[in-house]
């Protein structure tokens, strides 16, 4: 099991342990609190049945393969961009629950999830239309040897298309004057 997959499982497991269920994305505390007290638990379970089902399948697969107890291969020490990514992901974000799982990871495992952290940072930059930040992040991670991901490739290609279209717009406006 990859460190990123192990990390993701640990986040899901902690949320399920804390909440008593693994809530779906559509569940809200307000919806639960609007229900009569005697059916709140049943309501929460009913709207989260799919995530509970998928978590059950995941646990069964892990148990069958005995991956929970397998040792993960250690990687090189943390690269500087990992700490930069962690700091930027924490900046201005309150109650980012999965960060507590990262803080519990040994230093040797942080390097292994750096591509995952890069994808989160890229997603946030693109979602907020901070395209220069996305470009800078790609350049920084590439120069520091962070393995590429499919998402990073998609962002890179999108930025290239945007740059090419900006160049074409400039050429068209120059020829019109």
N, C-alpha and C. Protein backbone atom coordinates (compact mmCIF):
# COMPACT_ATOMS: atom_id res chain seq x y z
N UNK A 1 0.85 -1.17 0.00
CA UNK A 1 0.00 0.00 0.00
C UNK A 1 0.90 1.23 0.00
N UNK A 2 0.57 2.19 -0.85
CA UNK A 2 1.37 3.41 -0.89
C UNK A 2 1.13 4.23 0.37
N UNK A 3 2.07 5.10 0.67
CA UNK A 3 1.92 5.95 1.85
C UNK A 3 0.73 6.88 1.69
N UNK A 4 0.47 7.38 0.48
CA UNK A 4 -0.67 8.26 0.26
C UNK A 4 -1.98 7.51 0.51
N UNK A 5 -2.07 6.27 0.03
CA UNK A 5 -3.27 5.47 0.26
C UNK A 5 -3.43 5.18 1.75
N UNK A 6 -2.33 4.86 2.41
CA UNK A 6 -2.37 4.60 3.85
C UNK A 6 -2.81 5.85 4.61
N UNK A 7 -2.26 7.00 4.22
CA UNK A 7 -2.64 8.26 4.83
C UNK A 7 -4.13 8.53 4.65
N UNK A 8 -4.63 8.36 3.42
CA UNK A 8 -6.05 8.60 3.14
C UNK A 8 -6.93 7.68 3.98
N UNK A 9 -6.52 6.41 4.10
CA UNK A 9 -7.29 5.48 4.92
C UNK A 9 -7.30 5.92 6.38
N UNK A 10 -6.17 6.39 6.88
CA UNK A 10 -6.09 6.84 8.27
C UNK A 10 -6.99 8.05 8.52
N UNK A 11 -7.08 8.95 7.53
CA UNK A 11 -7.97 10.11 7.67
C UNK A 11 -9.42 9.64 7.75
N UNK A 12 -9.81 8.75 6.83
CA UNK A 12 -11.18 8.23 6.84
C UNK A 12 -11.49 7.51 8.15
N UNK A 13 -10.53 6.71 8.60
CA UNK A 13 -10.71 5.95 9.84
C UNK A 13 -10.89 6.88 11.04
N UNK A 14 -10.09 7.95 11.09
CA UNK A 14 -10.20 8.89 12.20
C UNK A 14 -11.54 9.61 12.19
N UNK A 15 -11.98 10.03 10.99
CA UNK A 15 -13.28 10.71 10.89
C UNK A 15 -14.39 9.77 11.34
N UNK A 16 -14.33 8.52 10.89
CA UNK A 16 -15.35 7.55 11.29
C UNK A 16 -15.32 7.30 12.79
N UNK A 17 -14.11 7.20 13.36
CA UNK A 17 -14.00 7.01 14.81
C UNK A 17 -14.55 8.22 15.57
N UNK A 18 -14.24 9.42 15.09
CA UNK A 18 -14.69 10.64 15.77
C UNK A 18 -16.21 10.85 15.67
N UNK A 19 -16.75 10.60 14.47
CA UNK A 19 -18.17 10.89 14.24
C UNK A 19 -19.09 9.71 14.53
N UNK A 20 -18.53 8.53 14.58
CA UNK A 20 -19.37 7.34 14.78
C UNK A 20 -19.87 6.77 13.47
N UNK A 21 -19.79 7.58 12.41
CA UNK A 21 -20.12 7.14 11.05
C UNK A 21 -19.14 7.83 10.12
N UNK A 22 -19.04 7.33 8.90
CA UNK A 22 -18.26 8.03 7.89
C UNK A 22 -19.26 8.84 7.08
N UNK A 23 -19.37 10.14 7.37
CA UNK A 23 -20.42 10.93 6.75
C UNK A 23 -20.20 11.11 5.25
N UNK A 24 -21.31 11.21 4.53
CA UNK A 24 -21.22 11.50 3.11
C UNK A 24 -21.01 12.99 2.93
N UNK A 25 -20.65 13.40 1.73
CA UNK A 25 -20.45 14.83 1.47
C UNK A 25 -21.76 15.61 1.55
N UNK A 26 -22.89 14.91 1.38
CA UNK A 26 -24.17 15.61 1.38
C UNK A 26 -24.78 15.77 2.77
N UNK A 27 -24.18 15.15 3.77
CA UNK A 27 -24.75 15.23 5.13
C UNK A 27 -24.36 16.56 5.77
N UNK A 28 -25.26 17.10 6.54
CA UNK A 28 -24.93 18.32 7.28
C UNK A 28 -25.46 18.19 8.70
N UNK A 29 -24.74 18.80 9.61
CA UNK A 29 -25.15 18.79 11.02
C UNK A 29 -26.53 19.42 11.17
N UNK A 30 -26.78 20.48 10.39
CA UNK A 30 -28.07 21.16 10.47
C UNK A 30 -29.21 20.21 10.10
N UNK A 31 -29.00 19.40 9.05
CA UNK A 31 -30.04 18.44 8.65
C UNK A 31 -30.30 17.43 9.75
N UNK A 32 -29.24 16.96 10.37
CA UNK A 32 -29.39 15.98 11.45
C UNK A 32 -30.13 16.61 12.63
N UNK A 33 -29.75 17.84 12.99
CA UNK A 33 -30.36 18.50 14.15
C UNK A 33 -31.83 18.85 13.91
N UNK A 34 -32.25 18.96 12.65
CA UNK A 34 -33.66 19.23 12.34
C UNK A 34 -34.54 18.01 12.56
N UNK A 35 -33.92 16.85 12.64
CA UNK A 35 -34.69 15.61 12.83
C UNK A 35 -35.10 15.47 14.29
N UNK A 36 -36.22 14.79 14.54
CA UNK A 36 -36.60 14.52 15.94
C UNK A 36 -35.47 13.74 16.63
N UNK A 37 -35.16 14.04 17.88
CA UNK A 37 -34.03 13.42 18.58
C UNK A 37 -34.02 11.89 18.53
N UNK A 38 -35.19 11.27 18.55
CA UNK A 38 -35.22 9.81 18.59
C UNK A 38 -34.86 9.15 17.26
N UNK A 39 -34.83 9.91 16.15
CA UNK A 39 -34.46 9.30 14.87
C UNK A 39 -33.17 9.88 14.28
N UNK A 40 -32.50 10.76 14.99
CA UNK A 40 -31.28 11.39 14.45
C UNK A 40 -30.22 10.36 14.06
N UNK A 41 -29.98 9.41 14.93
CA UNK A 41 -28.96 8.40 14.65
C UNK A 41 -29.33 7.59 13.42
N UNK A 42 -30.58 7.19 13.31
CA UNK A 42 -31.04 6.42 12.15
C UNK A 42 -30.95 7.27 10.88
N UNK A 43 -31.30 8.55 11.00
CA UNK A 43 -31.22 9.46 9.85
C UNK A 43 -29.77 9.58 9.36
N UNK A 44 -28.85 9.82 10.29
CA UNK A 44 -27.43 9.97 9.93
C UNK A 44 -26.93 8.70 9.26
N UNK A 45 -27.32 7.55 9.78
CA UNK A 45 -26.91 6.28 9.18
C UNK A 45 -27.50 6.12 7.79
N UNK A 46 -28.77 6.48 7.64
CA UNK A 46 -29.43 6.33 6.34
C UNK A 46 -28.81 7.19 5.26
N UNK A 47 -28.45 8.42 5.59
CA UNK A 47 -27.87 9.29 4.55
C UNK A 47 -26.39 9.01 4.33
N UNK A 48 -25.80 8.17 5.17
CA UNK A 48 -24.38 7.84 5.02
C UNK A 48 -24.16 6.37 4.67
N UNK A 49 -25.21 5.69 4.24
CA UNK A 49 -25.08 4.26 3.99
C UNK A 49 -24.04 3.96 2.92
N UNK A 50 -23.96 4.78 1.89
CA UNK A 50 -23.03 4.49 0.79
C UNK A 50 -21.58 4.59 1.24
N UNK A 51 -21.24 5.65 1.97
CA UNK A 51 -19.86 5.78 2.44
C UNK A 51 -19.53 4.67 3.43
N UNK A 52 -20.49 4.27 4.25
CA UNK A 52 -20.26 3.16 5.18
C UNK A 52 -20.04 1.86 4.41
N UNK A 53 -20.81 1.66 3.36
CA UNK A 53 -20.66 0.46 2.52
C UNK A 53 -19.28 0.42 1.87
N UNK A 54 -18.87 1.55 1.29
CA UNK A 54 -17.56 1.62 0.63
C UNK A 54 -16.43 1.44 1.65
N UNK A 55 -16.57 2.04 2.82
CA UNK A 55 -15.56 1.86 3.87
C UNK A 55 -15.49 0.39 4.28
N UNK A 56 -16.61 -0.27 4.36
CA UNK A 56 -16.62 -1.70 4.69
C UNK A 56 -15.89 -2.52 3.65
N UNK A 57 -16.12 -2.22 2.39
CA UNK A 57 -15.40 -2.92 1.31
C UNK A 57 -13.90 -2.67 1.41
N UNK A 58 -13.53 -1.41 1.64
CA UNK A 58 -12.12 -1.07 1.77
C UNK A 58 -11.48 -1.84 2.92
N UNK A 59 -12.15 -1.88 4.06
CA UNK A 59 -11.62 -2.61 5.22
C UNK A 59 -11.49 -4.10 4.92
N UNK A 60 -12.48 -4.66 4.23
CA UNK A 60 -12.43 -6.08 3.89
C UNK A 60 -11.24 -6.38 2.98
N UNK A 61 -11.01 -5.50 2.01
CA UNK A 61 -9.87 -5.69 1.11
C UNK A 61 -8.56 -5.61 1.89
N UNK A 62 -8.47 -4.63 2.78
CA UNK A 62 -7.25 -4.48 3.57
C UNK A 62 -7.01 -5.69 4.46
N UNK A 63 -8.07 -6.17 5.09
CA UNK A 63 -7.91 -7.34 5.95
C UNK A 63 -7.54 -8.58 5.14
N UNK A 64 -8.16 -8.74 4.01
CA UNK A 64 -7.87 -9.91 3.18
C UNK A 64 -6.41 -9.91 2.73
N UNK A 65 -5.93 -8.78 2.38
CA UNK A 65 -4.53 -8.69 1.92
C UNK A 65 -3.54 -8.52 3.06
N UNK A 66 -4.06 -8.35 4.25
CA UNK A 66 -3.23 -8.14 5.44
C UNK A 66 -2.28 -6.96 5.25
N UNK A 67 -2.81 -5.91 4.62
CA UNK A 67 -1.99 -4.74 4.34
C UNK A 67 -1.88 -3.81 5.54
N UNK A 68 -2.80 -3.91 6.49
CA UNK A 68 -2.74 -3.02 7.65
C UNK A 68 -1.42 -3.18 8.40
N UNK A 69 -0.92 -4.40 8.45
CA UNK A 69 0.29 -4.67 9.22
C UNK A 69 1.55 -4.69 8.37
N UNK A 70 1.42 -4.41 7.08
CA UNK A 70 2.62 -4.45 6.24
C UNK A 70 3.48 -3.22 6.49
N UNK A 71 4.76 -3.39 6.29
CA UNK A 71 5.70 -2.28 6.46
C UNK A 71 5.76 -1.49 5.16
N UNK A 72 5.80 -0.18 5.29
CA UNK A 72 5.97 0.67 4.13
C UNK A 72 7.46 0.93 3.94
N UNK A 73 7.86 1.02 2.69
CA UNK A 73 9.26 1.25 2.39
C UNK A 73 9.61 2.71 2.69
N UNK A 74 10.68 2.91 3.43
CA UNK A 74 11.11 4.28 3.76
C UNK A 74 11.72 4.95 2.55
N UNK A 75 11.49 6.21 2.45
CA UNK A 75 12.02 7.02 1.37
C UNK A 75 13.07 7.98 1.93
N UNK A 76 13.70 8.75 1.07
CA UNK A 76 14.70 9.72 1.53
C UNK A 76 14.08 10.73 2.49
N UNK A 77 14.93 11.49 3.19
CA UNK A 77 14.41 12.49 4.12
C UNK A 77 13.53 13.52 3.43
N UNK A 78 12.79 14.25 4.24
CA UNK A 78 11.84 15.24 3.74
C UNK A 78 12.56 16.27 2.87
N UNK A 79 12.01 16.53 1.70
CA UNK A 79 12.58 17.55 0.83
C UNK A 79 11.99 18.90 1.22
N UNK A 80 12.73 19.97 1.01
CA UNK A 80 12.28 21.29 1.48
C UNK A 80 10.88 21.67 1.01
N UNK A 81 10.52 21.31 -0.20
CA UNK A 81 9.21 21.72 -0.72
C UNK A 81 8.07 21.08 0.07
N UNK A 82 8.32 19.96 0.72
CA UNK A 82 7.26 19.32 1.52
C UNK A 82 6.84 20.24 2.65
N UNK A 83 7.79 20.80 3.36
CA UNK A 83 7.47 21.73 4.46
C UNK A 83 6.80 22.99 3.91
N UNK A 84 7.27 23.48 2.75
CA UNK A 84 6.65 24.66 2.14
C UNK A 84 5.19 24.38 1.80
N UNK A 85 4.94 23.20 1.24
CA UNK A 85 3.57 22.82 0.90
C UNK A 85 2.69 22.73 2.15
N UNK A 86 3.23 22.10 3.18
CA UNK A 86 2.46 21.98 4.43
C UNK A 86 2.12 23.36 4.99
N UNK A 87 3.10 24.25 5.00
CA UNK A 87 2.86 25.60 5.52
C UNK A 87 1.82 26.34 4.68
N UNK A 88 1.90 26.21 3.36
CA UNK A 88 0.95 26.93 2.51
C UNK A 88 -0.45 26.33 2.63
N UNK A 89 -0.54 25.02 2.83
CA UNK A 89 -1.85 24.39 2.96
C UNK A 89 -2.52 24.74 4.29
N UNK A 90 -1.73 24.99 5.30
CA UNK A 90 -2.28 25.37 6.60
C UNK A 90 -2.64 26.84 6.66
N UNK A 91 -1.98 27.66 5.86
CA UNK A 91 -2.15 29.11 5.91
C UNK A 91 -3.59 29.50 5.64
N UNK A 92 -4.20 30.14 6.62
CA UNK A 92 -5.54 30.67 6.46
C UNK A 92 -6.65 29.64 6.49
N UNK A 93 -6.32 28.41 6.69
CA UNK A 93 -7.35 27.36 6.71
C UNK A 93 -7.61 26.97 8.15
N UNK A 94 -8.85 27.08 8.54
CA UNK A 94 -9.20 26.66 9.89
C UNK A 94 -9.89 25.30 9.83
N UNK A 95 -9.62 24.49 10.82
CA UNK A 95 -10.27 23.20 10.97
C UNK A 95 -10.05 22.27 9.78
N UNK A 96 -8.83 22.22 9.27
CA UNK A 96 -8.51 21.27 8.22
C UNK A 96 -8.18 19.96 8.92
N UNK A 97 -9.18 19.06 8.96
CA UNK A 97 -9.11 17.88 9.80
C UNK A 97 -7.97 16.94 9.43
N UNK A 98 -7.68 16.78 8.15
CA UNK A 98 -6.67 15.82 7.76
C UNK A 98 -5.25 16.26 8.12
N UNK A 99 -5.08 17.55 8.46
CA UNK A 99 -3.76 18.02 8.85
C UNK A 99 -3.28 17.34 10.13
N UNK A 100 -4.20 16.99 11.03
CA UNK A 100 -3.77 16.30 12.25
C UNK A 100 -3.18 14.93 11.92
N UNK A 101 -3.68 14.30 10.86
CA UNK A 101 -3.09 13.02 10.44
C UNK A 101 -1.68 13.23 9.89
N UNK A 102 -1.47 14.33 9.18
CA UNK A 102 -0.13 14.61 8.66
C UNK A 102 0.84 14.86 9.80
N UNK A 103 0.38 15.57 10.81
CA UNK A 103 1.26 15.86 11.94
C UNK A 103 1.66 14.58 12.69
N UNK A 104 0.87 13.52 12.56
CA UNK A 104 1.19 12.26 13.20
C UNK A 104 2.07 11.35 12.35
N UNK A 105 2.33 11.75 11.10
CA UNK A 105 3.19 10.93 10.24
C UNK A 105 4.65 11.11 10.62
N UNK A 106 5.42 10.03 10.58
CA UNK A 106 6.86 10.19 10.81
C UNK A 106 7.47 11.00 9.66
N UNK A 107 8.56 11.68 9.95
CA UNK A 107 9.23 12.53 8.95
C UNK A 107 9.52 11.76 7.66
N UNK A 108 9.92 10.50 7.81
CA UNK A 108 10.30 9.72 6.63
C UNK A 108 9.12 9.50 5.68
N UNK A 109 7.89 9.60 6.19
CA UNK A 109 6.71 9.36 5.36
C UNK A 109 6.22 10.63 4.66
N UNK A 110 6.64 11.78 5.15
CA UNK A 110 6.18 13.03 4.54
C UNK A 110 6.62 13.14 3.08
N UNK A 111 7.83 12.71 2.79
CA UNK A 111 8.31 12.77 1.41
C UNK A 111 7.41 11.97 0.49
N UNK A 112 6.92 10.85 0.99
CA UNK A 112 6.10 9.97 0.16
C UNK A 112 4.75 10.58 -0.18
N UNK A 113 4.25 11.48 0.64
CA UNK A 113 2.95 12.10 0.33
C UNK A 113 3.10 13.49 -0.29
N UNK A 114 4.33 13.89 -0.59
CA UNK A 114 4.54 15.21 -1.21
C UNK A 114 3.75 15.36 -2.51
N UNK A 115 3.71 14.36 -3.40
CA UNK A 115 2.89 14.54 -4.61
C UNK A 115 1.41 14.78 -4.28
N UNK A 116 0.90 14.13 -3.26
CA UNK A 116 -0.48 14.33 -2.82
C UNK A 116 -0.67 15.77 -2.33
N UNK A 117 0.26 16.25 -1.51
CA UNK A 117 0.19 17.63 -1.01
C UNK A 117 0.27 18.62 -2.17
N UNK A 118 1.12 18.31 -3.15
CA UNK A 118 1.25 19.18 -4.32
C UNK A 118 -0.09 19.26 -5.06
N UNK A 119 -0.76 18.12 -5.21
CA UNK A 119 -2.05 18.11 -5.91
C UNK A 119 -3.08 18.95 -5.17
N UNK A 120 -3.09 18.88 -3.85
CA UNK A 120 -4.04 19.68 -3.08
C UNK A 120 -3.74 21.17 -3.27
N UNK A 121 -2.47 21.53 -3.18
CA UNK A 121 -2.08 22.93 -3.35
C UNK A 121 -2.41 23.42 -4.78
N UNK A 122 -2.16 22.58 -5.77
CA UNK A 122 -2.49 22.94 -7.15
C UNK A 122 -4.00 23.11 -7.32
N UNK A 123 -4.77 22.20 -6.76
CA UNK A 123 -6.22 22.28 -6.84
C UNK A 123 -6.72 23.60 -6.25
N UNK A 124 -6.20 23.94 -5.09
CA UNK A 124 -6.63 25.19 -4.44
C UNK A 124 -6.25 26.40 -5.28
N UNK A 125 -5.04 26.38 -5.85
CA UNK A 125 -4.59 27.52 -6.67
C UNK A 125 -5.45 27.67 -7.92
N UNK A 126 -5.73 26.56 -8.59
CA UNK A 126 -6.54 26.61 -9.81
C UNK A 126 -7.98 27.00 -9.49
N UNK A 127 -8.54 26.42 -8.43
CA UNK A 127 -9.92 26.73 -8.05
C UNK A 127 -10.09 28.23 -7.75
N UNK A 128 -9.07 28.83 -7.15
CA UNK A 128 -9.16 30.26 -6.83
C UNK A 128 -8.58 31.13 -7.95
N UNK A 129 -8.30 30.52 -9.09
CA UNK A 129 -7.80 31.21 -10.29
C UNK A 129 -6.47 31.92 -10.06
N UNK A 130 -5.64 31.39 -9.17
CA UNK A 130 -4.30 31.91 -8.94
C UNK A 130 -3.34 31.11 -9.83
N UNK A 131 -3.42 31.39 -11.12
CA UNK A 131 -2.70 30.59 -12.10
C UNK A 131 -1.19 30.79 -12.01
N UNK A 132 -0.76 31.98 -11.67
CA UNK A 132 0.69 32.22 -11.49
C UNK A 132 1.21 31.40 -10.32
N UNK A 133 0.42 31.29 -9.27
CA UNK A 133 0.81 30.47 -8.11
C UNK A 133 0.90 29.00 -8.51
N UNK A 134 -0.04 28.55 -9.33
CA UNK A 134 -0.01 27.16 -9.80
C UNK A 134 1.25 26.91 -10.63
N UNK A 135 1.57 27.86 -11.51
CA UNK A 135 2.79 27.73 -12.32
C UNK A 135 4.03 27.69 -11.43
N UNK A 136 4.11 28.59 -10.47
CA UNK A 136 5.26 28.63 -9.56
C UNK A 136 5.37 27.33 -8.76
N UNK A 137 4.24 26.82 -8.32
CA UNK A 137 4.24 25.56 -7.57
C UNK A 137 4.75 24.41 -8.43
N UNK A 138 4.29 24.35 -9.68
CA UNK A 138 4.77 23.30 -10.58
C UNK A 138 6.28 23.41 -10.79
N UNK A 139 6.76 24.61 -11.03
CA UNK A 139 8.20 24.81 -11.24
C UNK A 139 9.00 24.43 -10.00
N UNK A 140 8.53 24.83 -8.85
CA UNK A 140 9.23 24.54 -7.60
C UNK A 140 9.30 23.05 -7.33
N UNK A 141 8.19 22.37 -7.51
CA UNK A 141 8.17 20.94 -7.21
C UNK A 141 8.97 20.14 -8.24
N UNK A 142 8.93 20.55 -9.49
CA UNK A 142 9.71 19.86 -10.52
C UNK A 142 11.20 20.00 -10.25
N UNK A 143 11.64 21.22 -9.93
CA UNK A 143 13.08 21.44 -9.71
C UNK A 143 13.58 20.73 -8.45
N UNK A 144 12.67 20.46 -7.50
CA UNK A 144 13.08 19.76 -6.29
C UNK A 144 12.86 18.25 -6.37
N UNK A 145 12.46 17.77 -7.54
CA UNK A 145 12.39 16.33 -7.76
C UNK A 145 11.13 15.64 -7.26
N UNK A 146 10.06 16.39 -7.07
CA UNK A 146 8.80 15.76 -6.65
C UNK A 146 8.25 15.00 -7.86
N UNK A 147 7.91 13.73 -7.66
CA UNK A 147 7.35 12.96 -8.78
C UNK A 147 6.07 13.60 -9.29
N UNK A 148 5.92 13.60 -10.60
CA UNK A 148 4.73 14.18 -11.21
C UNK A 148 3.50 13.32 -10.96
N UNK A 149 2.35 13.95 -11.05
CA UNK A 149 1.07 13.25 -10.90
C UNK A 149 0.23 13.55 -12.13
N UNK A 150 -0.82 12.80 -12.32
CA UNK A 150 -1.71 13.04 -13.44
C UNK A 150 -2.34 14.43 -13.33
N UNK A 151 -2.71 14.82 -12.11
CA UNK A 151 -3.32 16.13 -11.92
C UNK A 151 -2.32 17.25 -12.25
N UNK A 152 -1.07 17.10 -11.81
CA UNK A 152 -0.04 18.11 -12.12
C UNK A 152 0.14 18.22 -13.63
N UNK A 153 0.08 17.10 -14.33
CA UNK A 153 0.18 17.12 -15.80
C UNK A 153 -1.00 17.88 -16.40
N UNK A 154 -2.20 17.64 -15.88
CA UNK A 154 -3.38 18.34 -16.38
C UNK A 154 -3.27 19.85 -16.16
N UNK A 155 -2.80 20.24 -14.99
CA UNK A 155 -2.64 21.67 -14.69
C UNK A 155 -1.60 22.28 -15.62
N UNK A 156 -0.51 21.57 -15.80
CA UNK A 156 0.56 22.04 -16.68
C UNK A 156 0.06 22.24 -18.11
N UNK A 157 -0.70 21.27 -18.60
CA UNK A 157 -1.25 21.38 -19.95
C UNK A 157 -2.25 22.53 -20.06
N UNK A 158 -3.06 22.70 -19.03
CA UNK A 158 -4.03 23.79 -19.04
C UNK A 158 -3.32 25.14 -19.05
N UNK A 159 -2.28 25.27 -18.23
CA UNK A 159 -1.51 26.52 -18.21
C UNK A 159 -0.86 26.77 -19.56
N UNK A 160 -0.37 25.72 -20.21
CA UNK A 160 0.24 25.87 -21.54
C UNK A 160 -0.80 26.34 -22.55
N UNK A 161 -2.01 25.77 -22.48
CA UNK A 161 -3.07 26.20 -23.41
C UNK A 161 -3.46 27.65 -23.16
N UNK A 162 -3.53 28.05 -21.90
CA UNK A 162 -3.87 29.44 -21.57
C UNK A 162 -2.79 30.37 -22.10
N UNK A 163 -1.53 30.00 -21.88
CA UNK A 163 -0.41 30.84 -22.36
C UNK A 163 -0.45 30.95 -23.88
N UNK A 164 -0.72 29.83 -24.56
CA UNK A 164 -0.78 29.85 -26.03
C UNK A 164 -1.94 30.71 -26.51
N UNK A 165 -3.08 30.63 -25.86
CA UNK A 165 -4.22 31.44 -26.28
C UNK A 165 -3.96 32.92 -26.02
N UNK A 166 -3.27 33.23 -24.93
CA UNK A 166 -2.92 34.63 -24.66
C UNK A 166 -1.98 35.16 -25.74
N UNK A 167 -1.07 34.30 -26.18
CA UNK A 167 -0.13 34.68 -27.24
C UNK A 167 -0.90 34.93 -28.53
N UNK A 168 -1.88 34.07 -28.86
CA UNK A 168 -2.68 34.25 -30.07
C UNK A 168 -3.51 35.52 -29.99
N UNK A 169 -4.07 35.80 -28.84
CA UNK A 169 -4.86 37.03 -28.66
C UNK A 169 -3.97 38.24 -28.90
N UNK A 170 -2.74 38.20 -28.39
CA UNK A 170 -1.80 39.30 -28.57
C UNK A 170 -1.48 39.48 -30.05
N UNK A 171 -1.24 38.38 -30.74
CA UNK A 171 -0.92 38.45 -32.17
C UNK A 171 -2.10 39.03 -32.95
N UNK A 172 -3.32 38.55 -32.63
CA UNK A 172 -4.51 39.04 -33.32
C UNK A 172 -4.71 40.53 -33.08
N UNK A 173 -4.52 40.97 -31.86
CA UNK A 173 -4.72 42.39 -31.58
C UNK A 173 -3.65 43.24 -32.25
N UNK A 174 -2.42 42.71 -32.38
CA UNK A 174 -1.35 43.44 -33.08
C UNK A 174 -1.65 43.59 -34.57
N UNK A 175 -2.23 42.55 -35.17
CA UNK A 175 -2.50 42.61 -36.60
C UNK A 175 -3.71 43.49 -36.92
N UNK A 176 -4.59 43.69 -35.93
CA UNK A 176 -5.77 44.52 -36.14
C UNK A 176 -5.45 46.00 -36.04
N UNK A 177 -4.34 46.35 -35.43
CA UNK A 177 -4.03 47.78 -35.28
C UNK A 177 -3.21 48.30 -36.40
